[in-house]
């Protein structure tokens, strides 16, 4: 009977360690998902900022080109 008790205790210990491992895995997975969601939000906001900066830069370049063309025609006269 003592041998059976040792086996039962060992199986319980294996079960408990497995449950602890599963709980740790779930915690790590939840943290990973949260980090990924934050990274996606950050990437989206950076994308919006990039589009705004690109639009502003395009307008500035277009304005400079118009100014250059205007000054070239003004200086030719």
C-alpha atoms as a PDB file:
ATOM      1  CA  UNK A   1       0.000   0.000   0.000  1.00  0.00           C
ATOM      2  CA  UNK A   2       2.842   2.386   0.711  1.00  0.00           C
ATOM      3  CA  UNK A   3       4.004   2.010  -2.871  1.00  0.00           C
ATOM      4  CA  UNK A   4       0.544   3.007  -4.135  1.00  0.00           C
ATOM      5  CA  UNK A   5       0.508   6.041  -1.852  1.00  0.00           C
ATOM      6  CA  UNK A   6       3.847   7.189  -3.307  1.00  0.00           C
ATOM      7  CA  UNK A   7       2.524   6.773  -6.827  1.00  0.00           C
ATOM      8  CA  UNK A   8      -0.635   8.710  -5.983  1.00  0.00           C
ATOM      9  CA  UNK A   9       1.419  11.500  -4.360  1.00  0.00           C
ATOM     10  CA  UNK A  10       3.695  11.636  -7.405  1.00  0.00           C
ATOM     11  CA  UNK A  11       0.740  11.783  -9.793  1.00  0.00           C
ATOM     12  CA  UNK A  12      -0.813  14.575  -7.723  1.00  0.00           C
ATOM     13  CA  UNK A  13       2.448  16.489  -7.811  1.00  0.00           C
ATOM     14  CA  UNK A  14       2.648  16.053 -11.596  1.00  0.00           C
ATOM     15  CA  UNK A  15      -0.954  17.270 -11.885  1.00  0.00           C
ATOM     16  CA  UNK A  16      -0.267  20.297  -9.699  1.00  0.00           C
ATOM     17  CA  UNK A  17       2.864  21.231 -11.647  1.00  0.00           C
ATOM     18  CA  UNK A  18       0.919  20.851 -14.890  1.00  0.00           C
ATOM     19  CA  UNK A  19      -1.797  23.158 -13.580  1.00  0.00           C
ATOM     20  CA  UNK A  20       0.794  25.722 -12.483  1.00  0.00           C
ATOM     21  CA  UNK A  21       2.426  25.515 -15.889  1.00  0.00           C
ATOM     22  CA  UNK A  22      -0.932  26.022 -17.595  1.00  0.00           C
ATOM     23  CA  UNK A  23      -1.700  29.058 -15.422  1.00  0.00           C
ATOM     24  CA  UNK A  24       1.717  30.554 -16.211  1.00  0.00           C
ATOM     25  CA  UNK A  25       1.175  29.892 -19.925  1.00  0.00           C
ATOM     26  CA  UNK A  26      -2.220  31.591 -19.855  1.00  0.00           C
ATOM     27  CA  UNK A  27      -0.731  34.624 -18.102  1.00  0.00           C
ATOM     28  CA  UNK A  28       2.119  34.846 -20.610  1.00  0.00           C
ATOM     29  CA  UNK A  29      -0.281  34.440 -23.531  1.00  0.00           C
ATOM     30  CA  UNK A  30      -2.548  37.194 -22.188  1.00  0.00           C
ATOM     31  CA  UNK A  31       0.434  39.524 -21.761  1.00  0.00           C
ATOM     32  CA  UNK A  32       1.625  38.719 -25.258  1.00  0.00           C
ATOM     33  CA  UNK A  33      -1.772  39.478 -26.754  1.00  0.00           C
ATOM     34  CA  UNK A  34      -1.933  42.767 -24.835  1.00  0.00           C
ATOM     35  CA  UNK A  35       1.511  43.781 -26.102  1.00  0.00           C
ATOM     36  CA  UNK A  36       0.546  42.891 -29.658  1.00  0.00           C
ATOM     37  CA  UNK A  37      -2.624  44.959 -29.422  1.00  0.00           C
ATOM     38  CA  UNK A  38      -0.655  47.929 -28.109  1.00  0.00           C
ATOM     39  CA  UNK A  39       1.862  47.536 -30.925  1.00  0.00           C
ATOM     40  CA  UNK A  40      -0.922  47.493 -33.519  1.00  0.00           C
ATOM     41  CA  UNK A  41      -2.463  50.652 -32.052  1.00  0.00           C
ATOM     42  CA  UNK A  42       0.932  52.352 -32.026  1.00  0.00           C
ATOM     43  CA  UNK A  43       1.568  51.335 -35.634  1.00  0.00           C
ATOM     44  CA  UNK A  44      -1.829  52.708 -36.659  1.00  0.00           C
ATOM     45  CA  UNK A  45      -1.150  56.040 -34.980  1.00  0.00           C
ATOM     46  CA  UNK A  46       2.296  56.240 -36.573  1.00  0.00           C
ATOM     47  CA  UNK A  47       0.693  55.484 -39.940  1.00  0.00           C
ATOM     48  CA  UNK A  48      -1.767  58.349 -39.465  1.00  0.00           C
ATOM     49  CA  UNK A  49       1.058  60.678 -38.477  1.00  0.00           C
ATOM     50  CA  UNK A  50       3.061  59.589 -41.519  1.00  0.00           C
ATOM     51  CA  UNK A  51       0.129  60.307 -43.853  1.00  0.00           C
ATOM     52  CA  UNK A  52      -0.330  63.765 -42.340  1.00  0.00           C
ATOM     53  CA  UNK A  53       3.387  64.532 -42.636  1.00  0.00           C
ATOM     54  CA  UNK A  54       3.371  63.311 -46.236  1.00  0.00           C
ATOM     55  CA  UNK A  55       0.385  65.519 -47.083  1.00  0.00           C
ATOM     56  CA  UNK A  56       2.022  68.571 -45.491  1.00  0.00           C
ATOM     57  CA  UNK A  57       5.318  67.889 -47.239  1.00  0.00           C
ATOM     58  CA  UNK A  58       3.518  67.466 -50.574  1.00  0.00           C
ATOM     59  CA  UNK A  59       1.746  70.788 -50.119  1.00  0.00           C
ATOM     60  CA  UNK A  60       5.017  72.504 -49.233  1.00  0.00           C
ATOM     61  CA  UNK A  61       6.783  71.049 -52.252  1.00  0.00           C
ATOM     62  CA  UNK A  62       3.888  72.032 -54.521  1.00  0.00           C
ATOM     63  CA  UNK A  63       3.991  75.558 -53.054  1.00  0.00           C
ATOM     64  CA  UNK A  64       7.731  75.812 -53.619  1.00  0.00           C
ATOM     65  CA  UNK A  65       7.366  74.643 -57.221  1.00  0.00           C
ATOM     66  CA  UNK A  66       4.621  77.193 -57.840  1.00  0.00           C
ATOM     67  CA  UNK A  67       6.787  79.899 -56.262  1.00  0.00           C
ATOM     68  CA  UNK A  68       9.783  78.939 -58.408  1.00  0.00           C
ATOM     69  CA  UNK A  69       7.696  78.977 -61.581  1.00  0.00           C
ATOM     70  CA  UNK A  70       6.202  82.353 -60.623  1.00  0.00           C
ATOM     71  CA  UNK A  71       9.613  83.847 -59.842  1.00  0.00           C
ATOM     72  CA  UNK A  72      11.090  82.491 -63.080  1.00  0.00           C
ATOM     73  CA  UNK A  73       8.325  84.127 -65.116  1.00  0.00           C
ATOM     74  CA  UNK A  74       8.611  87.352 -63.107  1.00  0.00           C
ATOM     75  CA  UNK A  75      12.397  87.540 -63.540  1.00  0.00           C
ATOM     76  CA  UNK A  76      12.219  86.943 -67.304  1.00  0.00           C
ATOM     77  CA  UNK A  77      10.245  90.134 -67.823  1.00  0.00           C
END
